[in-house]
Amino acid sequence: EIKQMHLLPDKTITTSRGEDLRLHDFIMFSPEHYIIMTTYAKHVNNIPVFLTPSPNCKVATTIIQEVKNDSVTWQWDGSKFPEFYVNSEVSNNFYDTVVPQDYMHINSMFIDPRDSNLIISLRQLNQVVKISRRTGEIVWRLGGRNSDFQLTADQVFLRQHNAVLTDDKTLLIFDNGEKAQRPYSRILEFGLDE
């Protein structure tokens, strides 16, 4: 064992250094420089009213932290984007005051070597998203209800994992499928014109 990583306090994140990460993926540049992801339970006040949120609702939002020498150098908080509440396919009972709603469920991260931005997979949205590591803004969305790329019925993916770029810069996705909509898994490959 060379190091233990934990969610660090930063901006809207209040935590002790001992809080475990709930993660599927991790990017390590060196033992002192890495990117972690987790699901963080918090109260929010930006869920659109038509989703009938309770004022006591908690969401389990996606938090990504880039850490260098034990300091957060960049952080992304999915709860800052209300569109994700609207587009969630699963765990979006925002009137529930007991269970934090894991409405995004991040499960992979990949750095695009062309621009150093981050490509993430959000299972509950059936969507892969590219995020600027400089501004935190969304560069593009693939799949889901508000895709920036038009997909044919055969290209639509469900509950995907492991969105990565190949050496040829195509995007590979493990498409899990979904029992009621398409009960089998497959691999999809996309060439995206950004």
N, C-alpha and C. Protein backbone atom coordinates (compact mmCIF):
# COMPACT_ATOMS: atom_id res chain seq x y z
N GLU A 1 0.85 -1.19 0.00
CA GLU A 1 0.00 0.00 0.00
C GLU A 1 0.88 1.24 0.00
N ILE A 2 0.62 2.15 -0.94
CA ILE A 2 1.43 3.36 -1.01
C ILE A 2 0.68 4.60 -0.55
N LYS A 3 -0.66 4.56 -0.60
CA LYS A 3 -1.42 5.74 -0.18
C LYS A 3 -2.88 5.37 -0.04
N GLN A 4 -3.56 6.03 0.89
CA GLN A 4 -5.02 5.92 0.98
C GLN A 4 -5.62 7.23 0.52
N MET A 5 -6.67 7.13 -0.32
CA MET A 5 -7.35 8.32 -0.83
C MET A 5 -8.72 8.42 -0.20
N HIS A 6 -9.12 9.62 0.13
CA HIS A 6 -10.42 9.89 0.72
C HIS A 6 -11.00 11.15 0.09
N LEU A 7 -12.30 11.32 0.20
CA LEU A 7 -12.94 12.56 -0.23
C LEU A 7 -12.42 13.68 0.65
N LEU A 8 -12.03 14.79 0.03
CA LEU A 8 -11.47 15.91 0.77
C LEU A 8 -12.49 17.04 0.88
N PRO A 9 -12.48 17.78 2.01
CA PRO A 9 -13.38 18.94 2.11
C PRO A 9 -12.99 20.01 1.10
N ASP A 10 -13.99 20.59 0.44
CA ASP A 10 -13.72 21.64 -0.54
C ASP A 10 -15.04 22.29 -0.93
N LYS A 11 -15.13 23.59 -0.86
CA LYS A 11 -16.31 24.35 -1.26
C LYS A 11 -17.56 23.81 -0.57
N THR A 12 -18.41 23.08 -1.30
CA THR A 12 -19.66 22.60 -0.71
C THR A 12 -19.52 21.23 -0.06
N ILE A 13 -18.32 20.70 -0.02
CA ILE A 13 -18.09 19.37 0.55
C ILE A 13 -17.57 19.53 1.97
N THR A 14 -18.35 19.03 2.91
CA THR A 14 -17.90 19.03 4.30
C THR A 14 -17.72 17.57 4.72
N THR A 15 -16.51 17.21 5.03
CA THR A 15 -16.20 15.83 5.35
C THR A 15 -14.91 15.78 6.16
N SER A 16 -14.75 14.73 6.91
CA SER A 16 -13.46 14.49 7.55
C SER A 16 -12.58 13.77 6.54
N ARG A 17 -11.30 13.77 6.74
CA ARG A 17 -10.39 13.11 5.80
C ARG A 17 -10.56 11.60 5.78
N GLY A 18 -11.31 11.05 6.68
CA GLY A 18 -11.47 9.61 6.73
C GLY A 18 -12.65 9.06 5.95
N GLU A 19 -13.43 9.93 5.27
CA GLU A 19 -14.62 9.45 4.58
C GLU A 19 -14.23 8.61 3.37
N ASP A 20 -14.79 7.41 3.32
CA ASP A 20 -14.49 6.51 2.20
C ASP A 20 -15.13 7.01 0.92
N LEU A 21 -14.52 6.60 -0.18
CA LEU A 21 -15.06 6.91 -1.50
C LEU A 21 -15.95 5.78 -1.95
N ARG A 22 -17.02 6.14 -2.63
CA ARG A 22 -17.86 5.14 -3.27
C ARG A 22 -17.60 5.30 -4.78
N LEU A 23 -16.73 4.46 -5.28
CA LEU A 23 -16.29 4.72 -6.64
C LEU A 23 -16.19 3.46 -7.47
N HIS A 24 -16.23 3.66 -8.77
CA HIS A 24 -16.02 2.62 -9.75
C HIS A 24 -14.69 2.83 -10.47
N ASP A 25 -14.16 4.03 -10.43
CA ASP A 25 -12.99 4.35 -11.25
C ASP A 25 -12.09 5.34 -10.52
N PHE A 26 -10.90 5.51 -11.06
CA PHE A 26 -9.86 6.29 -10.42
C PHE A 26 -8.79 6.55 -11.47
N ILE A 27 -8.24 7.75 -11.52
CA ILE A 27 -7.15 8.06 -12.46
C ILE A 27 -5.95 8.51 -11.64
N MET A 28 -4.81 7.85 -11.83
CA MET A 28 -3.61 8.17 -11.05
C MET A 28 -2.50 8.64 -11.98
N PHE A 29 -2.04 9.87 -11.74
CA PHE A 29 -0.91 10.40 -12.47
C PHE A 29 0.38 10.07 -11.72
N SER A 30 0.30 10.19 -10.39
CA SER A 30 1.40 9.83 -9.49
C SER A 30 0.76 9.60 -8.12
N PRO A 31 1.51 9.08 -7.13
CA PRO A 31 0.91 8.91 -5.80
C PRO A 31 0.40 10.21 -5.18
N GLU A 32 0.89 11.34 -5.65
CA GLU A 32 0.47 12.63 -5.09
C GLU A 32 -0.47 13.41 -6.01
N HIS A 33 -0.79 12.85 -7.18
CA HIS A 33 -1.65 13.56 -8.14
C HIS A 33 -2.59 12.55 -8.78
N TYR A 34 -3.91 12.73 -8.55
CA TYR A 34 -4.87 11.75 -9.02
C TYR A 34 -6.26 12.40 -9.11
N ILE A 35 -7.17 11.69 -9.77
CA ILE A 35 -8.56 12.12 -9.86
C ILE A 35 -9.41 11.02 -9.24
N ILE A 36 -10.28 11.40 -8.31
CA ILE A 36 -11.18 10.46 -7.65
C ILE A 36 -12.62 10.86 -7.96
N MET A 37 -13.52 9.91 -7.80
CA MET A 37 -14.94 10.20 -7.97
C MET A 37 -15.69 9.51 -6.86
N THR A 38 -16.83 10.08 -6.50
CA THR A 38 -17.65 9.47 -5.48
C THR A 38 -19.09 9.95 -5.64
N THR A 39 -19.94 9.37 -4.84
CA THR A 39 -21.32 9.81 -4.73
C THR A 39 -21.45 10.43 -3.34
N TYR A 40 -21.93 11.67 -3.28
CA TYR A 40 -21.94 12.44 -2.04
C TYR A 40 -23.38 12.87 -1.74
N ALA A 41 -23.87 12.50 -0.57
CA ALA A 41 -25.24 12.86 -0.18
C ALA A 41 -25.29 14.29 0.34
N LYS A 42 -26.21 15.09 -0.21
CA LYS A 42 -26.33 16.48 0.22
C LYS A 42 -27.74 17.00 -0.05
N HIS A 43 -28.13 18.02 0.71
CA HIS A 43 -29.38 18.74 0.45
C HIS A 43 -29.13 19.72 -0.69
N VAL A 44 -30.09 19.84 -1.58
CA VAL A 44 -30.00 20.79 -2.69
C VAL A 44 -31.30 21.57 -2.77
N ASN A 45 -31.25 22.73 -3.43
CA ASN A 45 -32.47 23.54 -3.58
C ASN A 45 -32.71 23.93 -5.03
N ASN A 46 -32.15 23.15 -5.97
CA ASN A 46 -32.31 23.51 -7.38
C ASN A 46 -32.99 22.42 -8.21
N ILE A 47 -33.72 21.50 -7.54
CA ILE A 47 -34.49 20.50 -8.28
C ILE A 47 -35.73 21.20 -8.83
N PRO A 48 -35.99 21.09 -10.14
CA PRO A 48 -37.15 21.77 -10.71
C PRO A 48 -38.45 21.38 -10.00
N VAL A 49 -39.32 22.36 -9.81
CA VAL A 49 -40.56 22.20 -9.05
C VAL A 49 -41.45 21.11 -9.64
N PHE A 50 -41.49 20.97 -10.96
CA PHE A 50 -42.38 19.99 -11.56
C PHE A 50 -41.99 18.54 -11.22
N LEU A 51 -40.79 18.34 -10.64
CA LEU A 51 -40.39 17.01 -10.18
C LEU A 51 -40.85 16.74 -8.75
N THR A 52 -41.60 17.66 -8.18
CA THR A 52 -42.17 17.59 -6.82
C THR A 52 -41.14 17.20 -5.75
N PRO A 53 -40.07 17.98 -5.65
CA PRO A 53 -39.07 17.65 -4.64
C PRO A 53 -39.54 18.02 -3.24
N SER A 54 -39.16 17.22 -2.28
CA SER A 54 -39.40 17.57 -0.88
C SER A 54 -38.33 18.56 -0.45
N PRO A 55 -38.65 19.52 0.43
CA PRO A 55 -37.60 20.42 0.92
C PRO A 55 -36.55 19.68 1.75
N ASN A 56 -36.87 18.47 2.21
CA ASN A 56 -35.93 17.68 3.01
C ASN A 56 -35.24 16.59 2.20
N CYS A 57 -35.42 16.62 0.90
CA CYS A 57 -34.81 15.60 0.04
C CYS A 57 -33.29 15.75 0.03
N LYS A 58 -32.61 14.61 0.01
CA LYS A 58 -31.17 14.59 -0.21
C LYS A 58 -30.91 13.86 -1.51
N VAL A 59 -29.93 14.33 -2.25
CA VAL A 59 -29.51 13.62 -3.45
C VAL A 59 -28.11 13.05 -3.21
N ALA A 60 -27.83 11.96 -3.89
CA ALA A 60 -26.49 11.38 -3.89
C ALA A 60 -25.87 11.81 -5.21
N THR A 61 -25.21 12.96 -5.18
CA THR A 61 -24.72 13.54 -6.42
C THR A 61 -23.30 13.09 -6.71
N THR A 62 -22.90 13.25 -7.95
CA THR A 62 -21.55 12.91 -8.37
C THR A 62 -20.59 14.03 -8.00
N ILE A 63 -19.51 13.66 -7.34
CA ILE A 63 -18.42 14.59 -7.04
C ILE A 63 -17.14 14.02 -7.63
N ILE A 64 -16.42 14.84 -8.38
CA ILE A 64 -15.11 14.46 -8.92
C ILE A 64 -14.10 15.45 -8.36
N GLN A 65 -13.01 14.94 -7.82
CA GLN A 65 -11.95 15.81 -7.30
C GLN A 65 -10.62 15.44 -7.94
N GLU A 66 -9.92 16.46 -8.44
CA GLU A 66 -8.52 16.26 -8.83
C GLU A 66 -7.69 16.75 -7.66
N VAL A 67 -6.82 15.89 -7.17
CA VAL A 67 -6.05 16.16 -5.96
C VAL A 67 -4.57 16.13 -6.29
N LYS A 68 -3.86 17.15 -5.81
CA LYS A 68 -2.41 17.21 -5.98
C LYS A 68 -1.80 17.62 -4.65
N ASN A 69 -0.88 16.82 -4.16
CA ASN A 69 -0.22 17.09 -2.87
C ASN A 69 -1.23 17.34 -1.75
N ASP A 70 -2.25 16.48 -1.69
CA ASP A 70 -3.28 16.51 -0.65
C ASP A 70 -4.16 17.76 -0.67
N SER A 71 -4.20 18.46 -1.80
CA SER A 71 -5.09 19.61 -1.95
C SER A 71 -5.95 19.43 -3.20
N VAL A 72 -7.21 19.84 -3.11
CA VAL A 72 -8.11 19.76 -4.27
C VAL A 72 -7.74 20.89 -5.22
N THR A 73 -7.35 20.54 -6.45
CA THR A 73 -7.00 21.54 -7.45
C THR A 73 -8.15 21.81 -8.41
N TRP A 74 -9.09 20.85 -8.47
CA TRP A 74 -10.26 21.00 -9.35
C TRP A 74 -11.35 20.10 -8.81
N GLN A 75 -12.58 20.61 -8.82
CA GLN A 75 -13.70 19.80 -8.34
C GLN A 75 -14.91 20.02 -9.24
N TRP A 76 -15.64 18.94 -9.49
CA TRP A 76 -16.87 19.00 -10.26
C TRP A 76 -17.99 18.43 -9.42
N ASP A 77 -19.09 19.16 -9.32
CA ASP A 77 -20.24 18.77 -8.52
C ASP A 77 -21.45 18.69 -9.45
N GLY A 78 -21.93 17.47 -9.68
CA GLY A 78 -23.05 17.26 -10.61
C GLY A 78 -24.33 17.95 -10.21
N SER A 79 -24.50 18.26 -8.91
CA SER A 79 -25.75 18.89 -8.47
C SER A 79 -25.88 20.34 -8.95
N LYS A 80 -24.85 20.89 -9.52
CA LYS A 80 -24.92 22.26 -10.05
C LYS A 80 -25.64 22.32 -11.40
N PHE A 81 -26.00 21.15 -11.94
CA PHE A 81 -26.64 21.07 -13.25
C PHE A 81 -28.03 20.47 -13.10
N PRO A 82 -29.07 21.30 -12.95
CA PRO A 82 -30.44 20.80 -12.74
C PRO A 82 -30.95 19.89 -13.85
N GLU A 83 -30.40 20.01 -15.05
CA GLU A 83 -30.84 19.15 -16.16
C GLU A 83 -30.67 17.67 -15.82
N PHE A 84 -29.69 17.33 -14.98
CA PHE A 84 -29.48 15.93 -14.63
C PHE A 84 -30.64 15.37 -13.80
N TYR A 85 -31.25 16.20 -12.96
CA TYR A 85 -32.44 15.74 -12.22
C TYR A 85 -33.56 15.40 -13.21
N VAL A 86 -33.75 16.26 -14.18
CA VAL A 86 -34.83 16.12 -15.15
C VAL A 86 -34.63 14.89 -16.02
N ASN A 87 -33.40 14.59 -16.38
CA ASN A 87 -33.12 13.53 -17.34
C ASN A 87 -32.83 12.17 -16.71
N SER A 88 -32.85 12.09 -15.40
CA SER A 88 -32.58 10.83 -14.72
C SER A 88 -33.66 9.80 -15.01
N GLU A 89 -33.25 8.58 -15.29
CA GLU A 89 -34.16 7.47 -15.58
C GLU A 89 -34.45 6.64 -14.33
N VAL A 90 -33.56 6.70 -13.34
CA VAL A 90 -33.63 5.83 -12.16
C VAL A 90 -33.26 6.64 -10.92
N SER A 91 -33.81 6.26 -9.77
CA SER A 91 -33.49 6.91 -8.49
C SER A 91 -33.75 8.41 -8.54
N ASN A 92 -34.93 8.76 -9.01
CA ASN A 92 -35.30 10.17 -9.13
C ASN A 92 -36.58 10.48 -8.37
N ASN A 93 -36.78 9.81 -7.23
CA ASN A 93 -37.95 10.08 -6.38
C ASN A 93 -37.58 11.21 -5.41
N PHE A 94 -37.56 12.42 -5.92
CA PHE A 94 -37.05 13.56 -5.16
C PHE A 94 -37.97 13.99 -4.03
N TYR A 95 -39.11 13.34 -3.89
CA TYR A 95 -40.00 13.59 -2.76
C TYR A 95 -39.65 12.68 -1.58
N ASP A 96 -38.74 11.71 -1.78
CA ASP A 96 -38.32 10.78 -0.73
C ASP A 96 -37.42 11.52 0.26
N THR A 97 -37.79 11.52 1.53
CA THR A 97 -37.00 12.23 2.55
C THR A 97 -36.09 11.28 3.33
N VAL A 98 -36.11 9.99 2.97
CA VAL A 98 -35.32 9.01 3.71
C VAL A 98 -34.08 8.58 2.93
N VAL A 99 -34.27 8.22 1.67
CA VAL A 99 -33.17 7.67 0.86
C VAL A 99 -32.61 8.75 -0.06
N PRO A 100 -31.31 9.09 0.04
CA PRO A 100 -30.71 10.02 -0.92
C PRO A 100 -30.80 9.43 -2.33
N GLN A 101 -31.27 10.20 -3.27
CA GLN A 101 -31.51 9.73 -4.63
C GLN A 101 -30.22 9.77 -5.46
N ASP A 102 -29.76 8.58 -5.85
CA ASP A 102 -28.55 8.44 -6.68
C ASP A 102 -28.96 8.58 -8.14
N TYR A 103 -29.32 9.78 -8.52
CA TYR A 103 -29.94 10.06 -9.81
C TYR A 103 -28.96 10.10 -10.97
N MET A 104 -27.65 10.11 -10.71
CA MET A 104 -26.65 10.15 -11.78
C MET A 104 -25.88 8.83 -11.87
N HIS A 105 -25.28 8.41 -10.79
CA HIS A 105 -24.49 7.19 -10.66
C HIS A 105 -23.35 7.13 -11.67
N ILE A 106 -22.29 7.87 -11.37
CA ILE A 106 -21.09 7.84 -12.20
C ILE A 106 -20.41 6.48 -12.04
N ASN A 107 -19.92 5.94 -13.17
CA ASN A 107 -19.24 4.65 -13.08
C ASN A 107 -17.96 4.54 -13.90
N SER A 108 -17.58 5.59 -14.62
CA SER A 108 -16.26 5.57 -15.26
C SER A 108 -15.82 6.98 -15.61
N MET A 109 -14.49 7.15 -15.70
CA MET A 109 -13.87 8.42 -16.10
C MET A 109 -12.73 8.09 -17.07
N PHE A 110 -12.52 8.99 -18.02
CA PHE A 110 -11.43 8.80 -18.97
C PHE A 110 -10.98 10.18 -19.44
N ILE A 111 -9.67 10.42 -19.46
CA ILE A 111 -9.15 11.71 -19.93
C ILE A 111 -8.94 11.64 -21.44
N ASP A 112 -9.55 12.58 -22.16
CA ASP A 112 -9.35 12.67 -23.60
C ASP A 112 -7.95 13.23 -23.84
N PRO A 113 -7.05 12.47 -24.44
CA PRO A 113 -5.67 12.95 -24.62
C PRO A 113 -5.56 14.13 -25.58
N ARG A 114 -6.60 14.38 -26.37
CA ARG A 114 -6.56 15.48 -27.33
C ARG A 114 -6.71 16.84 -26.66
N ASP A 115 -7.47 16.91 -25.55
CA ASP A 115 -7.70 18.21 -24.92
C ASP A 115 -7.64 18.16 -23.39
N SER A 116 -7.34 17.00 -22.82
CA SER A 116 -7.22 16.79 -21.37
C SER A 116 -8.54 16.93 -20.62
N ASN A 117 -9.66 16.97 -21.34
CA ASN A 117 -10.95 17.03 -20.67
C ASN A 117 -11.39 15.62 -20.25
N LEU A 118 -12.40 15.57 -19.41
CA LEU A 118 -12.81 14.33 -18.78
C LEU A 118 -14.10 13.80 -19.39
N ILE A 119 -14.10 12.53 -19.77
CA ILE A 119 -15.28 11.86 -20.29
C ILE A 119 -15.79 10.95 -19.17
N ILE A 120 -17.06 11.13 -18.78
CA ILE A 120 -17.62 10.33 -17.69
C ILE A 120 -18.88 9.61 -18.15
N SER A 121 -19.14 8.47 -17.51
CA SER A 121 -20.35 7.70 -17.79
C SER A 121 -21.31 7.86 -16.62
N LEU A 122 -22.55 8.26 -16.92
CA LEU A 122 -23.59 8.45 -15.91
C LEU A 122 -24.70 7.43 -16.16
N ARG A 123 -24.65 6.36 -15.41
CA ARG A 123 -25.51 5.21 -15.62
C ARG A 123 -27.00 5.54 -15.56
N GLN A 124 -27.42 6.30 -14.55
CA GLN A 124 -28.85 6.54 -14.34
C GLN A 124 -29.44 7.47 -15.41
N LEU A 125 -28.59 8.11 -16.20
CA LEU A 125 -29.07 8.99 -17.26
C LEU A 125 -28.94 8.36 -18.64
N ASN A 126 -28.36 7.14 -18.73
CA ASN A 126 -28.06 6.53 -20.03
C ASN A 126 -27.25 7.51 -20.88
N GLN A 127 -26.22 8.11 -20.24
CA GLN A 127 -25.54 9.21 -20.91
C GLN A 127 -24.04 9.21 -20.58
N VAL A 128 -23.25 9.55 -21.61
CA VAL A 128 -21.82 9.80 -21.46
C VAL A 128 -21.64 11.30 -21.67
N VAL A 129 -20.85 11.93 -20.79
CA VAL A 129 -20.72 13.39 -20.79
C VAL A 129 -19.23 13.75 -20.81
N LYS A 130 -18.91 14.77 -21.59
CA LYS A 130 -17.54 15.31 -21.58
C LYS A 130 -17.56 16.62 -20.82
N ILE A 131 -16.63 16.75 -19.86
CA ILE A 131 -16.56 17.92 -18.98
C ILE A 131 -15.23 18.63 -19.18
N SER A 132 -15.26 19.94 -19.22
CA SER A 132 -14.03 20.73 -19.28
C SER A 132 -13.32 20.68 -17.93
N ARG A 133 -12.07 20.25 -17.93
CA ARG A 133 -11.29 20.25 -16.68
C ARG A 133 -10.78 21.65 -16.34
N ARG A 134 -11.06 22.62 -17.17
CA ARG A 134 -10.68 24.00 -16.85
C ARG A 134 -11.84 24.74 -16.22
N THR A 135 -13.04 24.64 -16.84
CA THR A 135 -14.18 25.43 -16.37
C THR A 135 -15.23 24.61 -15.62
N GLY A 136 -15.22 23.29 -15.80
CA GLY A 136 -16.26 22.46 -15.20
C GLY A 136 -17.54 22.40 -16.02
N GLU A 137 -17.59 23.14 -17.12
CA GLU A 137 -18.80 23.14 -17.95
C GLU A 137 -18.87 21.88 -18.79
N ILE A 138 -20.08 21.57 -19.24
CA ILE A 138 -20.29 20.39 -20.07
C ILE A 138 -19.94 20.74 -21.51
N VAL A 139 -19.07 19.92 -22.12
CA VAL A 139 -18.66 20.12 -23.51
C VAL A 139 -19.68 19.47 -24.44
N TRP A 140 -20.06 18.23 -24.15
CA TRP A 140 -21.10 17.54 -24.91
C TRP A 140 -21.71 16.42 -24.08
N ARG A 141 -22.89 15.94 -24.58
CA ARG A 141 -23.62 14.83 -23.97
C ARG A 141 -23.93 13.84 -25.08
N LEU A 142 -23.68 12.56 -24.81
CA LEU A 142 -24.01 11.51 -25.77
C LEU A 142 -25.01 10.57 -25.11
N GLY A 143 -26.16 10.38 -25.74
CA GLY A 143 -27.19 9.51 -25.21
C GLY A 143 -28.10 10.24 -24.24
N GLY A 144 -29.05 9.50 -23.69
CA GLY A 144 -29.98 10.10 -22.75
C GLY A 144 -31.01 10.99 -23.43
N ARG A 145 -31.74 11.71 -22.61
CA ARG A 145 -32.87 12.52 -23.11
C ARG A 145 -32.45 13.81 -23.80
N ASN A 146 -31.24 14.28 -23.56
CA ASN A 146 -30.82 15.55 -24.18
C ASN A 146 -29.47 15.42 -24.86
N SER A 147 -29.30 14.35 -25.62
CA SER A 147 -28.04 14.10 -26.33
C SER A 147 -27.74 15.22 -27.32
N ASP A 148 -26.47 15.59 -27.39
CA ASP A 148 -26.03 16.56 -28.39
C ASP A 148 -25.78 15.89 -29.74
N PHE A 149 -25.81 14.56 -29.75
CA PHE A 149 -25.61 13.79 -30.98
C PHE A 149 -26.89 13.00 -31.25
N GLN A 150 -27.36 13.05 -32.47
CA GLN A 150 -28.56 12.29 -32.82
C GLN A 150 -28.19 10.82 -32.94
N LEU A 151 -28.93 9.97 -32.21
CA LEU A 151 -28.68 8.53 -32.24
C LEU A 151 -29.84 7.81 -32.90
N THR A 152 -29.51 6.77 -33.66
CA THR A 152 -30.55 5.92 -34.20
C THR A 152 -31.03 5.00 -33.09
N ALA A 153 -32.16 4.33 -33.31
CA ALA A 153 -32.69 3.41 -32.29
C ALA A 153 -31.67 2.33 -31.95
N ASP A 154 -30.90 1.88 -32.93
CA ASP A 154 -29.91 0.84 -32.70
C ASP A 154 -28.69 1.36 -31.93
N GLN A 155 -28.47 2.66 -31.93
CA GLN A 155 -27.32 3.24 -31.23
C GLN A 155 -27.62 3.62 -29.79
N VAL A 156 -28.87 3.64 -29.40
CA VAL A 156 -29.24 4.02 -28.03
C VAL A 156 -28.70 2.99 -27.05
N PHE A 157 -28.02 3.46 -26.01
CA PHE A 157 -27.46 2.57 -25.00
C PHE A 157 -28.17 2.78 -23.67
N LEU A 158 -28.11 1.74 -22.82
CA LEU A 158 -28.84 1.73 -21.56
C LEU A 158 -27.94 1.28 -20.42
N ARG A 159 -27.90 2.07 -19.34
CA ARG A 159 -27.18 1.74 -18.10
C ARG A 159 -25.72 1.39 -18.37
N GLN A 160 -25.08 2.14 -19.24
CA GLN A 160 -23.74 1.86 -19.73
C GLN A 160 -22.67 2.00 -18.64
N HIS A 161 -21.52 1.38 -18.92
CA HIS A 161 -20.32 1.47 -18.09
C HIS A 161 -19.10 1.63 -19.02
N ASN A 162 -17.99 2.02 -18.42
CA ASN A 162 -16.67 1.94 -19.05
C ASN A 162 -16.59 2.65 -20.40
N ALA A 163 -16.88 3.94 -20.41
CA ALA A 163 -16.75 4.74 -21.63
C ALA A 163 -15.29 5.18 -21.76
N VAL A 164 -14.60 4.67 -22.78
CA VAL A 164 -13.18 4.94 -22.97
C VAL A 164 -12.91 5.26 -24.44
N LEU A 165 -11.83 5.99 -24.68
CA LEU A 165 -11.40 6.27 -26.04
C LEU A 165 -10.38 5.22 -26.47
N THR A 166 -10.48 4.78 -27.72
CA THR A 166 -9.50 3.86 -28.27
C THR A 166 -8.30 4.65 -28.78
N ASP A 167 -7.28 3.95 -29.22
CA ASP A 167 -6.12 4.63 -29.83
C ASP A 167 -6.52 5.38 -31.08
N ASP A 168 -7.59 4.94 -31.73
CA ASP A 168 -8.09 5.63 -32.93
C ASP A 168 -9.04 6.77 -32.59
N LYS A 169 -9.22 7.05 -31.29
CA LYS A 169 -10.05 8.14 -30.78
C LYS A 169 -11.54 7.91 -30.99
N THR A 170 -11.94 6.65 -31.15
CA THR A 170 -13.36 6.34 -31.12
C THR A 170 -13.74 6.03 -29.68
N LEU A 171 -15.00 6.23 -29.35
CA LEU A 171 -15.50 6.02 -28.00
C LEU A 171 -16.12 4.64 -27.89
N LEU A 172 -15.58 3.81 -26.99
CA LEU A 172 -16.13 2.48 -26.73
C LEU A 172 -16.96 2.54 -25.47
N ILE A 173 -18.13 1.92 -25.50
CA ILE A 173 -19.03 1.91 -24.34
C ILE A 173 -19.51 0.48 -24.12
N PHE A 174 -19.46 0.03 -22.87
CA PHE A 174 -20.11 -1.23 -22.52
C PHE A 174 -21.57 -0.90 -22.22
N ASP A 175 -22.44 -1.30 -23.11
CA ASP A 175 -23.88 -1.03 -23.00
C ASP A 175 -24.51 -2.19 -22.23
N ASN A 176 -24.84 -1.96 -20.97
CA ASN A 176 -25.38 -3.02 -20.13
C ASN A 176 -26.71 -3.56 -20.62
N GLY A 177 -27.52 -2.69 -21.24
CA GLY A 177 -28.89 -3.07 -21.53
C GLY A 177 -29.74 -2.86 -20.28
N GLU A 178 -31.01 -3.18 -20.40
CA GLU A 178 -31.95 -3.00 -19.27
C GLU A 178 -33.06 -4.02 -19.44
N LYS A 179 -33.39 -4.70 -18.37
CA LYS A 179 -34.28 -5.87 -18.42
C LYS A 179 -35.57 -5.62 -19.21
N ALA A 180 -36.24 -4.50 -18.97
CA ALA A 180 -37.54 -4.25 -19.62
C ALA A 180 -37.39 -3.70 -21.04
N GLN A 181 -36.31 -2.96 -21.32
CA GLN A 181 -36.19 -2.31 -22.63
C GLN A 181 -35.35 -3.09 -23.63
N ARG A 182 -34.23 -3.64 -23.18
CA ARG A 182 -33.36 -4.46 -24.04
C ARG A 182 -32.54 -5.36 -23.13
N PRO A 183 -32.97 -6.60 -22.94
CA PRO A 183 -32.38 -7.46 -21.91
C PRO A 183 -31.09 -8.17 -22.33
N TYR A 184 -30.16 -7.44 -22.92
CA TYR A 184 -28.85 -8.02 -23.21
C TYR A 184 -27.82 -6.89 -23.26
N SER A 185 -26.56 -7.27 -23.08
CA SER A 185 -25.45 -6.32 -23.09
C SER A 185 -24.73 -6.39 -24.43
N ARG A 186 -23.97 -5.33 -24.72
CA ARG A 186 -23.21 -5.28 -25.97
C ARG A 186 -22.16 -4.19 -25.86
N ILE A 187 -21.26 -4.17 -26.81
CA ILE A 187 -20.24 -3.12 -26.91
C ILE A 187 -20.61 -2.22 -28.08
N LEU A 188 -20.59 -0.91 -27.85
CA LEU A 188 -20.83 0.05 -28.93
C LEU A 188 -19.57 0.88 -29.15
N GLU A 189 -19.36 1.27 -30.40
CA GLU A 189 -18.23 2.13 -30.74
C GLU A 189 -18.76 3.32 -31.52
N PHE A 190 -18.38 4.52 -31.08
CA PHE A 190 -18.85 5.75 -31.72
C PHE A 190 -17.66 6.57 -32.21
N GLY A 191 -17.78 7.11 -33.41
CA GLY A 191 -16.87 8.14 -33.89
C GLY A 191 -17.62 9.46 -33.78
N LEU A 192 -17.19 10.34 -32.88
CA LEU A 192 -17.93 11.57 -32.60
C LEU A 192 -17.28 12.76 -33.30
N ASP A 193 -18.09 13.55 -33.99
CA ASP A 193 -17.63 14.80 -34.58
C ASP A 193 -17.94 15.91 -33.57
N GLU A 194 -16.93 16.28 -32.81
CA GLU A 194 -17.14 17.30 -31.77
C GLU A 194 -17.24 18.70 -32.35
